[in-house]
């Protein structure tokens, strides 16, 4: 069974359906990039996969005994979050809150996990720095390390390179690709079609209130949806 499977999924909010009849699968180790124009339902889908919103209809099935606390999530940042007055280490460790449960303190294994993820993402040297004093790229690395502390099997990423300069964005995509190559399943929303095609194994293109394409990225670039979307340079995602 796939790690995650959506069958005839319809999504919406405030009584309005924004996308209907979505069906796709995600297997262990996949790198699925979700693209589409603004308002097409990408973020609503992400929130539904996380259990933050109920689907209008359809099913979300999980395999490999996947539990909600085994999914890491990197949302888009708000202005308030960018000014958060905590250290990098404190932010990263907070990704262990679900596994900590009612315990008042992090245990040794959780602290080591946070340190390992900071090391993996190249931010261990700034562990004591205040989060709000970091560059945009450093903040995203910190939040990605936090998400890794929450994730056992899947990372959900909502525009992880949004607002970053080209160099920092390229570094972020490279980091995510390395995580995927090490076995982490990635599901990412992105407006950057070039990076989506470069790194993803699969593409889900949402538009006109339904899926215009789902499949291998090699097939996507040859599809009608892929060719039309490429003409916009990915800017309409």
C-alpha atoms as a PDB file:
ATOM      1  CA  UNK A   1       0.000   0.000   0.000  1.00  0.00           C
ATOM      2  CA  UNK A   2       1.276   3.548  -0.713  1.00  0.00           C
ATOM      3  CA  UNK A   3       2.495   5.642   2.200  1.00  0.00           C
ATOM      4  CA  UNK A   4      -0.293   8.120   1.436  1.00  0.00           C
ATOM      5  CA  UNK A   5      -3.247   7.769  -0.939  1.00  0.00           C
ATOM      6  CA  UNK A   6      -5.996  10.248  -1.786  1.00  0.00           C
ATOM      7  CA  UNK A   7      -9.142   8.934  -3.469  1.00  0.00           C
ATOM      8  CA  UNK A   8     -11.715  11.216  -5.120  1.00  0.00           C
ATOM      9  CA  UNK A   9     -10.830  14.002  -2.686  1.00  0.00           C
ATOM     10  CA  UNK A  10     -12.871  17.216  -2.758  1.00  0.00           C
ATOM     11  CA  UNK A  11     -11.662  20.187  -0.715  1.00  0.00           C
ATOM     12  CA  UNK A  12     -13.060  23.530   0.301  1.00  0.00           C
ATOM     13  CA  UNK A  13     -13.775  26.085   2.990  1.00  0.00           C
ATOM     14  CA  UNK A  14     -16.671  28.327   4.061  1.00  0.00           C
ATOM     15  CA  UNK A  15     -19.057  26.057   2.204  1.00  0.00           C
ATOM     16  CA  UNK A  16     -17.212  26.514  -1.101  1.00  0.00           C
ATOM     17  CA  UNK A  17     -15.552  23.626  -2.929  1.00  0.00           C
ATOM     18  CA  UNK A  18     -12.244  24.741  -4.459  1.00  0.00           C
ATOM     19  CA  UNK A  19     -11.031  21.458  -5.949  1.00  0.00           C
ATOM     20  CA  UNK A  20     -12.818  18.181  -6.706  1.00  0.00           C
ATOM     21  CA  UNK A  21     -12.048  14.552  -7.423  1.00  0.00           C
ATOM     22  CA  UNK A  22      -8.330  14.587  -6.586  1.00  0.00           C
ATOM     23  CA  UNK A  23      -6.777  11.133  -6.707  1.00  0.00           C
ATOM     24  CA  UNK A  24      -3.061  10.510  -6.265  1.00  0.00           C
ATOM     25  CA  UNK A  25      -0.617   8.319  -4.366  1.00  0.00           C
ATOM     26  CA  UNK A  26       2.658   8.963  -2.576  1.00  0.00           C
ATOM     27  CA  UNK A  27       5.063   6.089  -2.026  1.00  0.00           C
ATOM     28  CA  UNK A  28       7.929   5.972   0.440  1.00  0.00           C
ATOM     29  CA  UNK A  29      10.857   8.011  -0.866  1.00  0.00           C
ATOM     30  CA  UNK A  30       8.822  10.004  -3.411  1.00  0.00           C
ATOM     31  CA  UNK A  31       9.368  13.717  -3.960  1.00  0.00           C
ATOM     32  CA  UNK A  32       5.968  15.103  -4.961  1.00  0.00           C
ATOM     33  CA  UNK A  33       5.749  18.740  -6.003  1.00  0.00           C
ATOM     34  CA  UNK A  34       2.303  20.359  -6.043  1.00  0.00           C
ATOM     35  CA  UNK A  35       1.920  23.214  -8.519  1.00  0.00           C
ATOM     36  CA  UNK A  36      -0.947  25.375  -9.779  1.00  0.00           C
ATOM     37  CA  UNK A  37      -2.188  28.927  -9.874  1.00  0.00           C
ATOM     38  CA  UNK A  38      -3.007  30.975  -6.782  1.00  0.00           C
ATOM     39  CA  UNK A  39      -6.341  29.913  -5.324  1.00  0.00           C
ATOM     40  CA  UNK A  40      -6.271  26.502  -6.966  1.00  0.00           C
ATOM     41  CA  UNK A  41      -6.405  24.712  -3.613  1.00  0.00           C
ATOM     42  CA  UNK A  42      -2.759  23.791  -2.987  1.00  0.00           C
ATOM     43  CA  UNK A  43      -2.582  25.094   0.594  1.00  0.00           C
ATOM     44  CA  UNK A  44      -6.054  23.729   1.346  1.00  0.00           C
ATOM     45  CA  UNK A  45      -4.824  20.313   0.226  1.00  0.00           C
ATOM     46  CA  UNK A  46      -1.770  20.603   2.471  1.00  0.00           C
ATOM     47  CA  UNK A  47      -3.926  21.493   5.497  1.00  0.00           C
ATOM     48  CA  UNK A  48      -6.243  18.587   4.718  1.00  0.00           C
ATOM     49  CA  UNK A  49      -3.330  16.140   4.527  1.00  0.00           C
ATOM     50  CA  UNK A  50      -2.224  17.404   7.945  1.00  0.00           C
ATOM     51  CA  UNK A  51      -5.701  16.852   9.397  1.00  0.00           C
ATOM     52  CA  UNK A  52      -6.190  20.574  10.027  1.00  0.00           C
ATOM     53  CA  UNK A  53      -9.185  20.640   7.671  1.00  0.00           C
ATOM     54  CA  UNK A  54     -11.724  17.938   6.904  1.00  0.00           C
ATOM     55  CA  UNK A  55     -12.269  17.019   3.255  1.00  0.00           C
ATOM     56  CA  UNK A  56     -15.616  17.828   1.685  1.00  0.00           C
ATOM     57  CA  UNK A  57     -15.673  14.259   0.398  1.00  0.00           C
ATOM     58  CA  UNK A  58     -13.338  11.438  -0.525  1.00  0.00           C
ATOM     59  CA  UNK A  59     -10.711   9.537   1.415  1.00  0.00           C
ATOM     60  CA  UNK A  60      -7.155   9.954   2.649  1.00  0.00           C
ATOM     61  CA  UNK A  61      -5.592   6.570   3.338  1.00  0.00           C
ATOM     62  CA  UNK A  62      -2.232   5.969   5.002  1.00  0.00           C
ATOM     63  CA  UNK A  63       0.074   2.973   4.838  1.00  0.00           C
ATOM     64  CA  UNK A  64       3.180   1.823   6.689  1.00  0.00           C
ATOM     65  CA  UNK A  65       1.324   2.548   9.960  1.00  0.00           C
ATOM     66  CA  UNK A  66       1.840   6.245   9.283  1.00  0.00           C
ATOM     67  CA  UNK A  67       0.653   8.445  12.145  1.00  0.00           C
ATOM     68  CA  UNK A  68      -0.006  12.184  12.157  1.00  0.00           C
ATOM     69  CA  UNK A  69       2.881  12.772  14.601  1.00  0.00           C
ATOM     70  CA  UNK A  70       5.263  11.193  12.089  1.00  0.00           C
ATOM     71  CA  UNK A  71       4.706  14.003   9.571  1.00  0.00           C
ATOM     72  CA  UNK A  72       6.860  17.131   9.707  1.00  0.00           C
ATOM     73  CA  UNK A  73       5.436  20.417   8.423  1.00  0.00           C
ATOM     74  CA  UNK A  74       7.156  23.575   7.239  1.00  0.00           C
ATOM     75  CA  UNK A  75       4.473  26.266   6.695  1.00  0.00           C
ATOM     76  CA  UNK A  76       4.882  29.653   5.115  1.00  0.00           C
ATOM     77  CA  UNK A  77       6.112  32.159   7.674  1.00  0.00           C
ATOM     78  CA  UNK A  78       4.117  35.138   8.864  1.00  0.00           C
ATOM     79  CA  UNK A  79       5.712  38.468   9.790  1.00  0.00           C
ATOM     80  CA  UNK A  80       5.081  37.741  13.484  1.00  0.00           C
ATOM     81  CA  UNK A  81       6.834  34.369  13.285  1.00  0.00           C
ATOM     82  CA  UNK A  82       9.903  35.932  11.668  1.00  0.00           C
ATOM     83  CA  UNK A  83      10.288  38.100  14.779  1.00  0.00           C
ATOM     84  CA  UNK A  84      10.095  35.189  17.247  1.00  0.00           C
ATOM     85  CA  UNK A  85      12.390  35.921  20.255  1.00  0.00           C
ATOM     86  CA  UNK A  86      13.897  32.476  20.881  1.00  0.00           C
ATOM     87  CA  UNK A  87      17.233  30.835  20.180  1.00  0.00           C
ATOM     88  CA  UNK A  88      17.775  28.616  17.158  1.00  0.00           C
ATOM     89  CA  UNK A  89      18.188  25.620  19.471  1.00  0.00           C
ATOM     90  CA  UNK A  90      14.890  26.355  21.240  1.00  0.00           C
ATOM     91  CA  UNK A  91      13.024  26.637  17.941  1.00  0.00           C
ATOM     92  CA  UNK A  92      14.478  23.389  16.602  1.00  0.00           C
ATOM     93  CA  UNK A  93      13.804  21.476  19.821  1.00  0.00           C
ATOM     94  CA  UNK A  94      10.170  22.572  19.747  1.00  0.00           C
ATOM     95  CA  UNK A  95       9.727  20.131  16.866  1.00  0.00           C
ATOM     96  CA  UNK A  96       9.880  17.387  19.517  1.00  0.00           C
ATOM     97  CA  UNK A  97       6.868  18.707  21.452  1.00  0.00           C
ATOM     98  CA  UNK A  98       4.451  16.058  20.176  1.00  0.00           C
ATOM     99  CA  UNK A  99       6.747  13.184  21.075  1.00  0.00           C
ATOM    100  CA  UNK A 100       7.558  14.776  24.454  1.00  0.00           C
ATOM    101  CA  UNK A 101       3.919  14.529  25.490  1.00  0.00           C
ATOM    102  CA  UNK A 102       3.287  15.597  29.080  1.00  0.00           C
ATOM    103  CA  UNK A 103       6.939  15.500  30.116  1.00  0.00           C
ATOM    104  CA  UNK A 104       8.094  18.965  31.269  1.00  0.00           C
ATOM    105  CA  UNK A 105      11.563  18.672  29.684  1.00  0.00           C
ATOM    106  CA  UNK A 106      13.175  17.282  26.552  1.00  0.00           C
ATOM    107  CA  UNK A 107      15.062  14.034  27.120  1.00  0.00           C
ATOM    108  CA  UNK A 108      18.590  13.293  25.972  1.00  0.00           C
ATOM    109  CA  UNK A 109      17.494  11.569  22.763  1.00  0.00           C
ATOM    110  CA  UNK A 110      15.356  14.567  21.751  1.00  0.00           C
ATOM    111  CA  UNK A 111      18.161  17.007  22.459  1.00  0.00           C
ATOM    112  CA  UNK A 112      20.576  14.887  20.430  1.00  0.00           C
ATOM    113  CA  UNK A 113      18.067  14.683  17.579  1.00  0.00           C
ATOM    114  CA  UNK A 114      17.773  18.489  17.528  1.00  0.00           C
ATOM    115  CA  UNK A 115      21.565  18.854  17.532  1.00  0.00           C
ATOM    116  CA  UNK A 116      21.918  16.271  14.746  1.00  0.00           C
ATOM    117  CA  UNK A 117      19.368  18.083  12.577  1.00  0.00           C
ATOM    118  CA  UNK A 118      21.029  21.444  13.152  1.00  0.00           C
ATOM    119  CA  UNK A 119      24.343  19.853  12.156  1.00  0.00           C
ATOM    120  CA  UNK A 120      22.745  18.288   9.084  1.00  0.00           C
ATOM    121  CA  UNK A 121      21.391  21.656   7.941  1.00  0.00           C
ATOM    122  CA  UNK A 122      24.533  23.625   8.725  1.00  0.00           C
ATOM    123  CA  UNK A 123      23.160  25.757  11.565  1.00  0.00           C
ATOM    124  CA  UNK A 124      24.718  24.128  14.640  1.00  0.00           C
ATOM    125  CA  UNK A 125      27.270  26.932  14.879  1.00  0.00           C
ATOM    126  CA  UNK A 126      24.449  29.472  15.360  1.00  0.00           C
ATOM    127  CA  UNK A 127      22.408  27.361  17.821  1.00  0.00           C
ATOM    128  CA  UNK A 128      22.576  30.069  20.499  1.00  0.00           C
ATOM    129  CA  UNK A 129      21.703  32.940  18.162  1.00  0.00           C
ATOM    130  CA  UNK A 130      18.321  34.633  18.379  1.00  0.00           C
ATOM    131  CA  UNK A 131      15.999  33.421  15.646  1.00  0.00           C
ATOM    132  CA  UNK A 132      14.681  36.874  14.741  1.00  0.00           C
ATOM    133  CA  UNK A 133      18.232  38.115  14.066  1.00  0.00           C
ATOM    134  CA  UNK A 134      18.891  35.485  11.376  1.00  0.00           C
ATOM    135  CA  UNK A 135      18.808  35.924   7.617  1.00  0.00           C
ATOM    136  CA  UNK A 136      15.843  34.554   5.704  1.00  0.00           C
ATOM    137  CA  UNK A 137      17.821  31.523   4.574  1.00  0.00           C
ATOM    138  CA  UNK A 138      19.009  30.770   8.109  1.00  0.00           C
ATOM    139  CA  UNK A 139      15.454  31.057   9.424  1.00  0.00           C
ATOM    140  CA  UNK A 140      14.196  28.577   6.824  1.00  0.00           C
ATOM    141  CA  UNK A 141      16.980  26.142   7.682  1.00  0.00           C
ATOM    142  CA  UNK A 142      16.011  26.467  11.349  1.00  0.00           C
ATOM    143  CA  UNK A 143      12.361  25.747  10.585  1.00  0.00           C
ATOM    144  CA  UNK A 144      13.325  22.832   8.363  1.00  0.00           C
ATOM    145  CA  UNK A 145      15.419  21.380  11.191  1.00  0.00           C
ATOM    146  CA  UNK A 146      12.405  21.814  13.468  1.00  0.00           C
ATOM    147  CA  UNK A 147      10.189  19.980  10.975  1.00  0.00           C
ATOM    148  CA  UNK A 148      12.726  17.161  10.789  1.00  0.00           C
ATOM    149  CA  UNK A 149      12.454  16.717  14.559  1.00  0.00           C
ATOM    150  CA  UNK A 150       8.727  16.137  14.093  1.00  0.00           C
ATOM    151  CA  UNK A 151       9.043  13.928  11.012  1.00  0.00           C
ATOM    152  CA  UNK A 152       9.689  10.215  10.993  1.00  0.00           C
ATOM    153  CA  UNK A 153       8.637   9.519   7.440  1.00  0.00           C
ATOM    154  CA  UNK A 154       7.150  12.497   5.557  1.00  0.00           C
ATOM    155  CA  UNK A 155       7.935  16.211   5.267  1.00  0.00           C
ATOM    156  CA  UNK A 156       5.216  18.596   4.041  1.00  0.00           C
ATOM    157  CA  UNK A 157       6.684  21.878   2.790  1.00  0.00           C
ATOM    158  CA  UNK A 158       4.642  24.937   1.814  1.00  0.00           C
ATOM    159  CA  UNK A 159       6.715  27.233  -0.429  1.00  0.00           C
ATOM    160  CA  UNK A 160       9.976  26.591   1.484  1.00  0.00           C
ATOM    161  CA  UNK A 161      11.982  29.009  -0.684  1.00  0.00           C
ATOM    162  CA  UNK A 162       9.422  31.826  -0.647  1.00  0.00           C
ATOM    163  CA  UNK A 163      11.009  35.220   0.025  1.00  0.00           C
ATOM    164  CA  UNK A 164      14.574  33.936  -0.243  1.00  0.00           C
ATOM    165  CA  UNK A 165      17.163  35.414  -2.577  1.00  0.00           C
ATOM    166  CA  UNK A 166      18.162  33.180  -5.518  1.00  0.00           C
ATOM    167  CA  UNK A 167      21.284  31.798  -3.813  1.00  0.00           C
ATOM    168  CA  UNK A 168      19.476  30.984  -0.567  1.00  0.00           C
ATOM    169  CA  UNK A 169      16.574  29.453  -2.514  1.00  0.00           C
ATOM    170  CA  UNK A 170      18.948  27.235  -4.488  1.00  0.00           C
ATOM    171  CA  UNK A 171      20.631  26.137  -1.252  1.00  0.00           C
ATOM    172  CA  UNK A 172      17.238  25.306   0.265  1.00  0.00           C
ATOM    173  CA  UNK A 173      16.227  23.149  -2.703  1.00  0.00           C
ATOM    174  CA  UNK A 174      19.562  21.332  -2.542  1.00  0.00           C
ATOM    175  CA  UNK A 175      19.054  20.614   1.160  1.00  0.00           C
ATOM    176  CA  UNK A 176      15.562  19.268   0.564  1.00  0.00           C
ATOM    177  CA  UNK A 177      16.854  17.075  -2.259  1.00  0.00           C
ATOM    178  CA  UNK A 178      19.540  15.626   0.026  1.00  0.00           C
ATOM    179  CA  UNK A 179      16.902  14.834   2.660  1.00  0.00           C
ATOM    180  CA  UNK A 180      14.856  13.064   0.006  1.00  0.00           C
ATOM    181  CA  UNK A 181      17.897  11.138  -1.204  1.00  0.00           C
ATOM    182  CA  UNK A 182      18.458   9.969   2.373  1.00  0.00           C
ATOM    183  CA  UNK A 183      14.989   8.403   2.442  1.00  0.00           C
ATOM    184  CA  UNK A 184      12.584  11.129   3.590  1.00  0.00           C
ATOM    185  CA  UNK A 185       9.377  11.420   1.563  1.00  0.00           C
ATOM    186  CA  UNK A 186       8.794  15.012   0.422  1.00  0.00           C
ATOM    187  CA  UNK A 187       5.477  16.662  -0.462  1.00  0.00           C
ATOM    188  CA  UNK A 188       6.108  20.284  -1.434  1.00  0.00           C
ATOM    189  CA  UNK A 189       4.060  23.194  -2.731  1.00  0.00           C
ATOM    190  CA  UNK A 190       6.152  25.393  -5.009  1.00  0.00           C
ATOM    191  CA  UNK A 191       5.706  28.219  -7.506  1.00  0.00           C
ATOM    192  CA  UNK A 192       9.168  27.497  -8.915  1.00  0.00           C
ATOM    193  CA  UNK A 193       8.495  25.207 -11.873  1.00  0.00           C
ATOM    194  CA  UNK A 194      12.176  24.962 -12.850  1.00  0.00           C
ATOM    195  CA  UNK A 195      13.179  23.616  -9.432  1.00  0.00           C
ATOM    196  CA  UNK A 196      10.091  21.403  -9.320  1.00  0.00           C
ATOM    197  CA  UNK A 197      11.080  19.719 -12.564  1.00  0.00           C
ATOM    198  CA  UNK A 198      14.746  19.532 -11.530  1.00  0.00           C
ATOM    199  CA  UNK A 199      14.256  17.879  -8.147  1.00  0.00           C
ATOM    200  CA  UNK A 200      10.810  16.250  -7.927  1.00  0.00           C
ATOM    201  CA  UNK A 201      10.083  12.663  -8.846  1.00  0.00           C
ATOM    202  CA  UNK A 202       6.351  13.350  -9.295  1.00  0.00           C
ATOM    203  CA  UNK A 203       4.177  16.378 -10.099  1.00  0.00           C
ATOM    204  CA  UNK A 204       0.591  17.105  -9.079  1.00  0.00           C
ATOM    205  CA  UNK A 205      -0.750  20.061 -11.083  1.00  0.00           C
ATOM    206  CA  UNK A 206      -4.034  21.465  -9.775  1.00  0.00           C
ATOM    207  CA  UNK A 207      -6.189  23.788 -11.868  1.00  0.00           C
ATOM    208  CA  UNK A 208      -9.765  24.406 -12.987  1.00  0.00           C
ATOM    209  CA  UNK A 209     -10.948  22.862  -9.696  1.00  0.00           C
ATOM    210  CA  UNK A 210      -9.396  19.477 -10.431  1.00  0.00           C
ATOM    211  CA  UNK A 211      -6.102  17.715 -11.107  1.00  0.00           C
ATOM    212  CA  UNK A 212      -4.766  18.620 -14.544  1.00  0.00           C
ATOM    213  CA  UNK A 213      -1.891  16.173 -14.168  1.00  0.00           C
ATOM    214  CA  UNK A 214      -0.501  13.632 -11.736  1.00  0.00           C
ATOM    215  CA  UNK A 215       2.452  11.414 -12.517  1.00  0.00           C
ATOM    216  CA  UNK A 216       6.183  11.241 -13.073  1.00  0.00           C
ATOM    217  CA  UNK A 217       7.900  14.565 -13.692  1.00  0.00           C
ATOM    218  CA  UNK A 218       9.413  13.170 -16.889  1.00  0.00           C
ATOM    219  CA  UNK A 219       5.883  12.690 -18.234  1.00  0.00           C
ATOM    220  CA  UNK A 220       4.759  16.075 -16.921  1.00  0.00           C
ATOM    221  CA  UNK A 221       7.192  18.070 -19.023  1.00  0.00           C
ATOM    222  CA  UNK A 222       5.748  16.376 -22.132  1.00  0.00           C
ATOM    223  CA  UNK A 223       2.105  16.842 -21.095  1.00  0.00           C
ATOM    224  CA  UNK A 224      -0.243  19.638 -22.188  1.00  0.00           C
ATOM    225  CA  UNK A 225      -0.412  20.962 -18.631  1.00  0.00           C
ATOM    226  CA  UNK A 226       3.361  20.947 -18.314  1.00  0.00           C
ATOM    227  CA  UNK A 227       3.990  22.729 -21.604  1.00  0.00           C
ATOM    228  CA  UNK A 228       1.367  25.407 -20.945  1.00  0.00           C
ATOM    229  CA  UNK A 229       2.583  25.991 -17.383  1.00  0.00           C
ATOM    230  CA  UNK A 230       6.212  26.236 -18.460  1.00  0.00           C
ATOM    231  CA  UNK A 231       5.278  29.138 -20.715  1.00  0.00           C
ATOM    232  CA  UNK A 232       4.498  31.174 -17.590  1.00  0.00           C
ATOM    233  CA  UNK A 233       7.882  30.337 -16.066  1.00  0.00           C
ATOM    234  CA  UNK A 234       6.133  28.964 -13.005  1.00  0.00           C
ATOM    235  CA  UNK A 235       5.079  32.404 -11.858  1.00  0.00           C
ATOM    236  CA  UNK A 236       1.384  31.564 -11.611  1.00  0.00           C
ATOM    237  CA  UNK A 237       1.713  28.817  -9.030  1.00  0.00           C
END
